[in-house]
Amino acid sequence: NKINNVNHLANTLIELDCAGRSEINQHGIKNLKILQKLNARDNKKIKNVNHLSNTLIQLDCRDNCGIDQDGIKNLKILQYLYATYNKKIYN
């Protein structure tokens, strides 16, 4: 079985790599509460990380990632943003 949901780790997971061919999608991260680092590079299934507005410090949404401008607009403490070749993020 492939991993497509990590919500059972909502109160403990601080770093997630779900890049590329990962089966983890938007529904599979919706309950995460303390995530600080997310690598969603080339993951078209994740589109929004605003629910992590008070915890996410580092986000990799390069290449063909599904995350767009609206999907990051509420992030408050982000320190590192990698958005190379993501034409959906412009500000």
PDB file of N, CA and C in Angstrom:
ATOM      1  N   ASN A   1       0.832  -1.198   0.000  1.00  0.00           N
ATOM      2  CA  ASN A   1       0.000   0.000   0.000  1.00  0.00           C
ATOM      3  C   ASN A   1       0.864   1.244   0.000  1.00  0.00           C
ATOM      4  N   LYS A   2       0.428   2.229  -0.746  1.00  0.00           N
ATOM      5  CA  LYS A   2       1.133   3.496  -0.782  1.00  0.00           C
ATOM      6  C   LYS A   2       0.549   4.431   0.267  1.00  0.00           C
ATOM      7  N   ILE A   3       1.397   5.286   0.826  1.00  0.00           N
ATOM      8  CA  ILE A   3       0.958   6.257   1.821  1.00  0.00           C
ATOM      9  C   ILE A   3       0.294   7.424   1.102  1.00  0.00           C
ATOM     10  N   ASN A   4      -0.953   7.725   1.484  1.00  0.00           N
ATOM     11  CA  ASN A   4      -1.648   8.862   0.885  1.00  0.00           C
ATOM     12  C   ASN A   4      -2.242   9.805   1.922  1.00  0.00           C
ATOM     13  N   ASN A   5      -2.054   9.480   3.199  1.00  0.00           N
ATOM     14  CA  ASN A   5      -2.658  10.263   4.256  1.00  0.00           C
ATOM     15  C   ASN A   5      -1.760  10.222   5.495  1.00  0.00           C
ATOM     16  N   VAL A   6      -1.429  11.395   6.043  1.00  0.00           N
ATOM     17  CA  VAL A   6      -0.606  11.463   7.245  1.00  0.00           C
ATOM     18  C   VAL A   6      -1.319  12.222   8.368  1.00  0.00           C
ATOM     19  N   ASN A   7      -2.621  12.324   8.279  1.00  0.00           N
ATOM     20  CA  ASN A   7      -3.396  13.076   9.270  1.00  0.00           C
ATOM     21  C   ASN A   7      -3.320  12.474  10.672  1.00  0.00           C
ATOM     22  N   HIS A   8      -3.036  11.194  10.788  1.00  0.00           N
ATOM     23  CA  HIS A   8      -2.909  10.582  12.108  1.00  0.00           C
ATOM     24  C   HIS A   8      -1.679  11.099  12.849  1.00  0.00           C
ATOM     25  N   LEU A   9      -0.803  11.830  12.149  1.00  0.00           N
ATOM     26  CA  LEU A   9       0.396  12.420  12.747  1.00  0.00           C
ATOM     27  C   LEU A   9       0.206  13.921  12.996  1.00  0.00           C
ATOM     28  N   ALA A  10      -1.029  14.349  13.077  1.00  0.00           N
ATOM     29  CA  ALA A  10      -1.378  15.774  13.152  1.00  0.00           C
ATOM     30  C   ALA A  10      -0.651  16.525  14.264  1.00  0.00           C
ATOM     31  N   ASN A  11      -0.452  15.897  15.396  1.00  0.00           N
ATOM     32  CA  ASN A  11       0.132  16.582  16.546  1.00  0.00           C
ATOM     33  C   ASN A  11       1.616  16.311  16.745  1.00  0.00           C
ATOM     34  N   THR A  12       2.234  15.571  15.820  1.00  0.00           N
ATOM     35  CA  THR A  12       3.651  15.236  16.001  1.00  0.00           C
ATOM     36  C   THR A  12       4.524  15.530  14.791  1.00  0.00           C
ATOM     37  N   LEU A  13       3.978  15.469  13.592  1.00  0.00           N
ATOM     38  CA  LEU A  13       4.787  15.609  12.377  1.00  0.00           C
ATOM     39  C   LEU A  13       5.238  17.056  12.183  1.00  0.00           C
ATOM     40  N   ILE A  14       6.567  17.258  12.049  1.00  0.00           N
ATOM     41  CA  ILE A  14       7.085  18.610  11.841  1.00  0.00           C
ATOM     42  C   ILE A  14       7.752  18.766  10.474  1.00  0.00           C
ATOM     43  N   GLU A  15       8.062  17.652   9.803  1.00  0.00           N
ATOM     44  CA  GLU A  15       8.689  17.724   8.490  1.00  0.00           C
ATOM     45  C   GLU A  15       8.109  16.643   7.590  1.00  0.00           C
ATOM     46  N   LEU A  16       7.723  17.038   6.364  1.00  0.00           N
ATOM     47  CA  LEU A  16       7.117  16.094   5.424  1.00  0.00           C
ATOM     48  C   LEU A  16       7.704  16.294   4.039  1.00  0.00           C
ATOM     49  N   ASP A  17       8.155  15.202   3.457  1.00  0.00           N
ATOM     50  CA  ASP A  17       8.618  15.203   2.070  1.00  0.00           C
ATOM     51  C   ASP A  17       7.617  14.383   1.271  1.00  0.00           C
ATOM     52  N   CYS A  18       6.831  15.064   0.464  1.00  0.00           N
ATOM     53  CA  CYS A  18       5.846  14.392  -0.382  1.00  0.00           C
ATOM     54  C   CYS A  18       6.018  14.886  -1.819  1.00  0.00           C
ATOM     55  N   ALA A  19       7.257  14.954  -2.225  1.00  0.00           N
ATOM     56  CA  ALA A  19       7.598  15.459  -3.553  1.00  0.00           C
ATOM     57  C   ALA A  19       7.338  14.412  -4.630  1.00  0.00           C
ATOM     58  N   GLY A  20       7.249  14.913  -5.854  1.00  0.00           N
ATOM     59  CA  GLY A  20       7.190  14.047  -7.027  1.00  0.00           C
ATOM     60  C   GLY A  20       6.011  13.126  -7.085  1.00  0.00           C
ATOM     61  N   ARG A  21       6.285  11.865  -7.109  1.00  0.00           N
ATOM     62  CA  ARG A  21       5.248  10.848  -7.308  1.00  0.00           C
ATOM     63  C   ARG A  21       4.533  10.430  -6.036  1.00  0.00           C
ATOM     64  N   SER A  22       4.672  11.189  -4.994  1.00  0.00           N
ATOM     65  CA  SER A  22       4.004  10.870  -3.736  1.00  0.00           C
ATOM     66  C   SER A  22       2.495  10.773  -3.943  1.00  0.00           C
ATOM     67  N   GLU A  23       1.867   9.884  -3.223  1.00  0.00           N
ATOM     68  CA  GLU A  23       0.414   9.726  -3.271  1.00  0.00           C
ATOM     69  C   GLU A  23      -0.287  10.638  -2.270  1.00  0.00           C
ATOM     70  N   ILE A  24       0.473  11.359  -1.452  1.00  0.00           N
ATOM     71  CA  ILE A  24      -0.121  12.257  -0.459  1.00  0.00           C
ATOM     72  C   ILE A  24      -0.739  13.448  -1.177  1.00  0.00           C
ATOM     73  N   ASN A  25      -2.014  13.706  -0.860  1.00  0.00           N
ATOM     74  CA  ASN A  25      -2.753  14.782  -1.520  1.00  0.00           C
ATOM     75  C   ASN A  25      -3.259  15.792  -0.498  1.00  0.00           C
ATOM     76  N   GLN A  26      -4.043  16.734  -0.960  1.00  0.00           N
ATOM     77  CA  GLN A  26      -4.578  17.795  -0.099  1.00  0.00           C
ATOM     78  C   GLN A  26      -5.340  17.224   1.095  1.00  0.00           C
ATOM     79  N   HIS A  27      -6.193  16.278   0.847  1.00  0.00           N
ATOM     80  CA  HIS A  27      -6.964  15.649   1.919  1.00  0.00           C
ATOM     81  C   HIS A  27      -6.049  14.966   2.937  1.00  0.00           C
ATOM     82  N   GLY A  28      -4.938  14.427   2.457  1.00  0.00           N
ATOM     83  CA  GLY A  28      -4.022  13.681   3.315  1.00  0.00           C
ATOM     84  C   GLY A  28      -3.165  14.515   4.238  1.00  0.00           C
ATOM     85  N   ILE A  29      -3.211  15.862   4.093  1.00  0.00           N
ATOM     86  CA  ILE A  29      -2.450  16.742   4.995  1.00  0.00           C
ATOM     87  C   ILE A  29      -3.347  17.742   5.724  1.00  0.00           C
ATOM     88  N   LYS A  30      -4.630  17.692   5.505  1.00  0.00           N
ATOM     89  CA  LYS A  30      -5.539  18.741   5.984  1.00  0.00           C
ATOM     90  C   LYS A  30      -5.580  18.902   7.502  1.00  0.00           C
ATOM     91  N   ASN A  31      -5.269  17.862   8.260  1.00  0.00           N
ATOM     92  CA  ASN A  31      -5.350  17.934   9.718  1.00  0.00           C
ATOM     93  C   ASN A  31      -4.010  18.221  10.389  1.00  0.00           C
ATOM     94  N   LEU A  32      -2.945  18.349   9.610  1.00  0.00           N
ATOM     95  CA  LEU A  32      -1.636  18.614  10.206  1.00  0.00           C
ATOM     96  C   LEU A  32      -1.655  19.961  10.906  1.00  0.00           C
ATOM     97  N   LYS A  33      -1.089  20.003  12.122  1.00  0.00           N
ATOM     98  CA  LYS A  33      -1.194  21.202  12.947  1.00  0.00           C
ATOM     99  C   LYS A  33       0.138  21.865  13.260  1.00  0.00           C
ATOM    100  N   ILE A  34       1.239  21.118  13.248  1.00  0.00           N
ATOM    101  CA  ILE A  34       2.506  21.698  13.673  1.00  0.00           C
ATOM    102  C   ILE A  34       3.605  21.566  12.621  1.00  0.00           C
ATOM    103  N   LEU A  35       3.249  21.243  11.395  1.00  0.00           N
ATOM    104  CA  LEU A  35       4.242  21.056  10.339  1.00  0.00           C
ATOM    105  C   LEU A  35       5.054  22.328  10.128  1.00  0.00           C
ATOM    106  N   GLN A  36       6.379  22.179  10.097  1.00  0.00           N
ATOM    107  CA  GLN A  36       7.276  23.315   9.925  1.00  0.00           C
ATOM    108  C   GLN A  36       7.956  23.316   8.560  1.00  0.00           C
ATOM    109  N   LYS A  37       8.219  22.130   8.017  1.00  0.00           N
ATOM    110  CA  LYS A  37       8.898  22.017   6.724  1.00  0.00           C
ATOM    111  C   LYS A  37       8.098  21.099   5.812  1.00  0.00           C
ATOM    112  N   LEU A  38       7.830  21.591   4.598  1.00  0.00           N
ATOM    113  CA  LEU A  38       7.081  20.798   3.625  1.00  0.00           C
ATOM    114  C   LEU A  38       7.782  20.845   2.281  1.00  0.00           C
ATOM    115  N   ASN A  39       8.110  19.676   1.769  1.00  0.00           N
ATOM    116  CA  ASN A  39       8.636  19.561   0.417  1.00  0.00           C
ATOM    117  C   ASN A  39       7.528  18.954  -0.439  1.00  0.00           C
ATOM    118  N   ALA A  40       6.887  19.817  -1.232  1.00  0.00           N
ATOM    119  CA  ALA A  40       5.822  19.380  -2.135  1.00  0.00           C
ATOM    120  C   ALA A  40       6.250  19.595  -3.586  1.00  0.00           C
ATOM    121  N   ARG A  41       7.542  19.618  -3.812  1.00  0.00           N
ATOM    122  CA  ARG A  41       8.082  19.855  -5.154  1.00  0.00           C
ATOM    123  C   ARG A  41       7.497  18.851  -6.147  1.00  0.00           C
ATOM    124  N   ASP A  42       6.945  19.367  -7.213  1.00  0.00           N
ATOM    125  CA  ASP A  42       6.415  18.556  -8.299  1.00  0.00           C
ATOM    126  C   ASP A  42       5.223  17.676  -7.874  1.00  0.00           C
ATOM    127  N   ASN A  43       4.587  18.008  -6.746  1.00  0.00           N
ATOM    128  CA  ASN A  43       3.389  17.287  -6.291  1.00  0.00           C
ATOM    129  C   ASN A  43       2.173  18.117  -6.695  1.00  0.00           C
ATOM    130  N   LYS A  44       1.461  17.654  -7.702  1.00  0.00           N
ATOM    131  CA  LYS A  44       0.301  18.383  -8.221  1.00  0.00           C
ATOM    132  C   LYS A  44      -0.943  18.196  -7.362  1.00  0.00           C
ATOM    133  N   LYS A  45      -0.885  17.269  -6.400  1.00  0.00           N
ATOM    134  CA  LYS A  45      -2.060  16.925  -5.602  1.00  0.00           C
ATOM    135  C   LYS A  45      -2.261  17.837  -4.404  1.00  0.00           C
ATOM    136  N   ILE A  46      -1.232  18.605  -4.031  1.00  0.00           N
ATOM    137  CA  ILE A  46      -1.350  19.547  -2.919  1.00  0.00           C
ATOM    138  C   ILE A  46      -1.459  20.941  -3.507  1.00  0.00           C
ATOM    139  N   LYS A  47      -2.505  21.655  -3.102  1.00  0.00           N
ATOM    140  CA  LYS A  47      -2.796  22.958  -3.699  1.00  0.00           C
ATOM    141  C   LYS A  47      -2.827  24.104  -2.698  1.00  0.00           C
ATOM    142  N   ASN A  48      -2.955  23.792  -1.418  1.00  0.00           N
ATOM    143  CA  ASN A  48      -3.160  24.842  -0.433  1.00  0.00           C
ATOM    144  C   ASN A  48      -2.528  24.435   0.899  1.00  0.00           C
ATOM    145  N   VAL A  49      -1.756  25.356   1.481  1.00  0.00           N
ATOM    146  CA  VAL A  49      -1.126  25.086   2.776  1.00  0.00           C
ATOM    147  C   VAL A  49      -1.464  26.173   3.798  1.00  0.00           C
ATOM    148  N   ASN A  50      -2.525  26.908   3.561  1.00  0.00           N
ATOM    149  CA  ASN A  50      -2.917  27.994   4.459  1.00  0.00           C
ATOM    150  C   ASN A  50      -3.296  27.518   5.858  1.00  0.00           C
ATOM    151  N   HIS A  51      -3.683  26.263   6.009  1.00  0.00           N
ATOM    152  CA  HIS A  51      -4.006  25.743   7.338  1.00  0.00           C
ATOM    153  C   HIS A  51      -2.763  25.643   8.215  1.00  0.00           C
ATOM    154  N   LEU A  52      -1.584  25.829   7.620  1.00  0.00           N
ATOM    155  CA  LEU A  52      -0.312  25.798   8.354  1.00  0.00           C
ATOM    156  C   LEU A  52       0.233  27.211   8.558  1.00  0.00           C
ATOM    157  N   SER A  53      -0.644  28.201   8.546  1.00  0.00           N
ATOM    158  CA  SER A  53      -0.232  29.608   8.552  1.00  0.00           C
ATOM    159  C   SER A  53       0.625  30.001   9.750  1.00  0.00           C
ATOM    160  N   ASN A  54       0.449  29.354  10.881  1.00  0.00           N
ATOM    161  CA  ASN A  54       1.195  29.723  12.088  1.00  0.00           C
ATOM    162  C   ASN A  54       2.358  28.794  12.407  1.00  0.00           C
ATOM    163  N   THR A  55       2.608  27.800  11.550  1.00  0.00           N
ATOM    164  CA  THR A  55       3.685  26.854  11.855  1.00  0.00           C
ATOM    165  C   THR A  55       4.686  26.671  10.730  1.00  0.00           C
ATOM    166  N   LEU A  56       4.264  26.808   9.482  1.00  0.00           N
ATOM    167  CA  LEU A  56       5.139  26.496   8.344  1.00  0.00           C
ATOM    168  C   LEU A  56       6.251  27.535   8.201  1.00  0.00           C
ATOM    169  N   ILE A  57       7.490  27.045   8.243  1.00  0.00           N
ATOM    170  CA  ILE A  57       8.682  27.895   8.145  1.00  0.00           C
ATOM    171  C   ILE A  57       9.348  27.743   6.788  1.00  0.00           C
ATOM    172  N   GLN A  58       9.309  26.520   6.249  1.00  0.00           N
ATOM    173  CA  GLN A  58       9.996  26.242   4.981  1.00  0.00           C
ATOM    174  C   GLN A  58       9.068  25.497   4.036  1.00  0.00           C
ATOM    175  N   LEU A  59       8.956  26.009   2.802  1.00  0.00           N
ATOM    176  CA  LEU A  59       8.088  25.391   1.800  1.00  0.00           C
ATOM    177  C   LEU A  59       8.830  25.268   0.479  1.00  0.00           C
ATOM    178  N   ASP A  60       8.861  24.067  -0.057  1.00  0.00           N
ATOM    179  CA  ASP A  60       9.409  23.819  -1.389  1.00  0.00           C
ATOM    180  C   ASP A  60       8.238  23.474  -2.298  1.00  0.00           C
ATOM    181  N   CYS A  61       7.909  24.407  -3.184  1.00  0.00           N
ATOM    182  CA  CYS A  61       6.805  24.205  -4.125  1.00  0.00           C
ATOM    183  C   CYS A  61       7.296  24.489  -5.544  1.00  0.00           C
ATOM    184  N   ARG A  62       8.481  23.982  -5.838  1.00  0.00           N
ATOM    185  CA  ARG A  62       9.079  24.194  -7.162  1.00  0.00           C
ATOM    186  C   ARG A  62       8.434  23.301  -8.217  1.00  0.00           C
ATOM    187  N   ASP A  63       8.779  23.628  -9.436  1.00  0.00           N
ATOM    188  CA  ASP A  63       8.409  22.852 -10.617  1.00  0.00           C
ATOM    189  C   ASP A  63       6.900  22.800 -10.815  1.00  0.00           C
ATOM    190  N   ASN A  64       6.340  21.637 -10.987  1.00  0.00           N
ATOM    191  CA  ASN A  64       4.915  21.497 -11.311  1.00  0.00           C
ATOM    192  C   ASN A  64       4.045  21.274 -10.083  1.00  0.00           C
ATOM    193  N   CYS A  65       4.400  21.904  -9.002  1.00  0.00           N
ATOM    194  CA  CYS A  65       3.625  21.782  -7.772  1.00  0.00           C
ATOM    195  C   CYS A  65       2.233  22.388  -7.968  1.00  0.00           C
ATOM    196  N   GLY A  66       1.243  21.850  -7.279  1.00  0.00           N
ATOM    197  CA  GLY A  66      -0.117  22.355  -7.389  1.00  0.00           C
ATOM    198  C   GLY A  66      -0.382  23.599  -6.564  1.00  0.00           C
ATOM    199  N   ILE A  67       0.531  23.960  -5.674  1.00  0.00           N
ATOM    200  CA  ILE A  67       0.342  25.128  -4.814  1.00  0.00           C
ATOM    201  C   ILE A  67       0.466  26.404  -5.639  1.00  0.00           C
ATOM    202  N   ASP A  68      -0.535  27.284  -5.481  1.00  0.00           N
ATOM    203  CA  ASP A  68      -0.526  28.545  -6.214  1.00  0.00           C
ATOM    204  C   ASP A  68      -0.536  29.722  -5.234  1.00  0.00           C
ATOM    205  N   GLN A  69      -0.673  30.926  -5.765  1.00  0.00           N
ATOM    206  CA  GLN A  69      -0.634  32.142  -4.948  1.00  0.00           C
ATOM    207  C   GLN A  69      -1.677  32.114  -3.836  1.00  0.00           C
ATOM    208  N   ASP A  70      -2.901  31.727  -4.149  1.00  0.00           N
ATOM    209  CA  ASP A  70      -3.940  31.640  -3.121  1.00  0.00           C
ATOM    210  C   ASP A  70      -3.617  30.596  -2.065  1.00  0.00           C
ATOM    211  N   GLY A  71      -2.885  29.577  -2.447  1.00  0.00           N
ATOM    212  CA  GLY A  71      -2.546  28.489  -1.532  1.00  0.00           C
ATOM    213  C   GLY A  71      -1.492  28.836  -0.505  1.00  0.00           C
ATOM    214  N   ILE A  72      -0.868  30.013  -0.631  1.00  0.00           N
ATOM    215  CA  ILE A  72       0.141  30.453   0.350  1.00  0.00           C
ATOM    216  C   ILE A  72      -0.192  31.815   0.958  1.00  0.00           C
ATOM    217  N   LYS A  73      -1.290  32.412   0.574  1.00  0.00           N
ATOM    218  CA  LYS A  73      -1.566  33.806   0.937  1.00  0.00           C
ATOM    219  C   LYS A  73      -1.701  34.068   2.436  1.00  0.00           C
ATOM    220  N   ASN A  74      -2.027  33.059   3.235  1.00  0.00           N
ATOM    221  CA  ASN A  74      -2.209  33.262   4.674  1.00  0.00           C
ATOM    222  C   ASN A  74      -0.999  32.864   5.516  1.00  0.00           C
ATOM    223  N   LEU A  75       0.072  32.426   4.876  1.00  0.00           N
ATOM    224  CA  LEU A  75       1.255  32.018   5.640  1.00  0.00           C
ATOM    225  C   LEU A  75       1.864  33.240   6.327  1.00  0.00           C
ATOM    226  N   LYS A  76       2.091  33.131   7.638  1.00  0.00           N
ATOM    227  CA  LYS A  76       2.518  34.274   8.432  1.00  0.00           C
ATOM    228  C   LYS A  76       3.974  34.234   8.862  1.00  0.00           C
ATOM    229  N   ILE A  77       4.531  33.045   9.020  1.00  0.00           N
ATOM    230  CA  ILE A  77       5.895  32.972   9.557  1.00  0.00           C
ATOM    231  C   ILE A  77       6.864  32.286   8.605  1.00  0.00           C
ATOM    232  N   LEU A  78       6.464  32.092   7.363  1.00  0.00           N
ATOM    233  CA  LEU A  78       7.325  31.426   6.380  1.00  0.00           C
ATOM    234  C   LEU A  78       8.640  32.179   6.243  1.00  0.00           C
ATOM    235  N   GLN A  79       9.757  31.435   6.305  1.00  0.00           N
ATOM    236  CA  GLN A  79      11.086  32.037   6.188  1.00  0.00           C
ATOM    237  C   GLN A  79      11.794  31.619   4.912  1.00  0.00           C
ATOM    238  N   TYR A  80      11.511  30.410   4.430  1.00  0.00           N
ATOM    239  CA  TYR A  80      12.169  29.883   3.241  1.00  0.00           C
ATOM    240  C   TYR A  80      11.111  29.412   2.248  1.00  0.00           C
ATOM    241  N   LEU A  81      11.141  30.004   1.061  1.00  0.00           N
ATOM    242  CA  LEU A  81      10.205  29.629   0.010  1.00  0.00           C
ATOM    243  C   LEU A  81      10.989  29.314  -1.252  1.00  0.00           C
ATOM    244  N   TYR A  82      10.836  28.094  -1.718  1.00  0.00           N
ATOM    245  CA  TYR A  82      11.470  27.662  -2.958  1.00  0.00           C
ATOM    246  C   TYR A  82      10.367  27.478  -3.990  1.00  0.00           C
ATOM    247  N   ALA A  83      10.296  28.389  -4.963  1.00  0.00           N
ATOM    248  CA  ALA A  83       9.202  28.376  -5.934  1.00  0.00           C
ATOM    249  C   ALA A  83       9.713  28.476  -7.373  1.00  0.00           C
ATOM    250  N   THR A  84      10.943  28.058  -7.602  1.00  0.00           N
ATOM    251  CA  THR A  84      11.509  28.101  -8.948  1.00  0.00           C
ATOM    252  C   THR A  84      10.663  27.272  -9.904  1.00  0.00           C
ATOM    253  N   TYR A  85      10.392  27.805 -11.066  1.00  0.00           N
ATOM    254  CA  TYR A  85       9.603  27.160 -12.121  1.00  0.00           C
ATOM    255  C   TYR A  85       8.152  26.902 -11.724  1.00  0.00           C
ATOM    256  N   ASN A  86       7.682  27.570 -10.664  1.00  0.00           N
ATOM    257  CA  ASN A  86       6.266  27.511 -10.324  1.00  0.00           C
ATOM    258  C   ASN A  86       5.658  28.832 -10.797  1.00  0.00           C
ATOM    259  N   LYS A  87       5.010  28.803 -11.938  1.00  0.00           N
ATOM    260  CA  LYS A  87       4.466  30.021 -12.549  1.00  0.00           C
ATOM    261  C   LYS A  87       3.203  30.502 -11.855  1.00  0.00           C
ATOM    262  N   LYS A  88       2.684  29.714 -10.912  1.00  0.00           N
ATOM    263  CA  LYS A  88       1.453  30.080 -10.216  1.00  0.00           C
ATOM    264  C   LYS A  88       1.718  30.944  -9.001  1.00  0.00           C
ATOM    265  N   ILE A  89       2.994  31.076  -8.603  1.00  0.00           N
ATOM    266  CA  ILE A  89       3.363  31.938  -7.473  1.00  0.00           C
ATOM    267  C   ILE A  89       4.141  33.111  -8.026  1.00  0.00           C
ATOM    268  N   TYR A  90       3.636  34.300  -7.747  1.00  0.00           N
ATOM    269  CA  TYR A  90       4.226  35.500  -8.347  1.00  0.00           C
ATOM    270  C   TYR A  90       4.433  36.624  -7.343  1.00  0.00           C
ATOM    271  N   ASN A  91       4.015  36.452  -6.083  1.00  0.00           N
ATOM    272  CA  ASN A  91       4.132  37.531  -5.123  1.00  0.00           C
ATOM    273  C   ASN A  91       4.416  36.977  -3.732  1.00  0.00           C
TER     274      ASN A  91
END
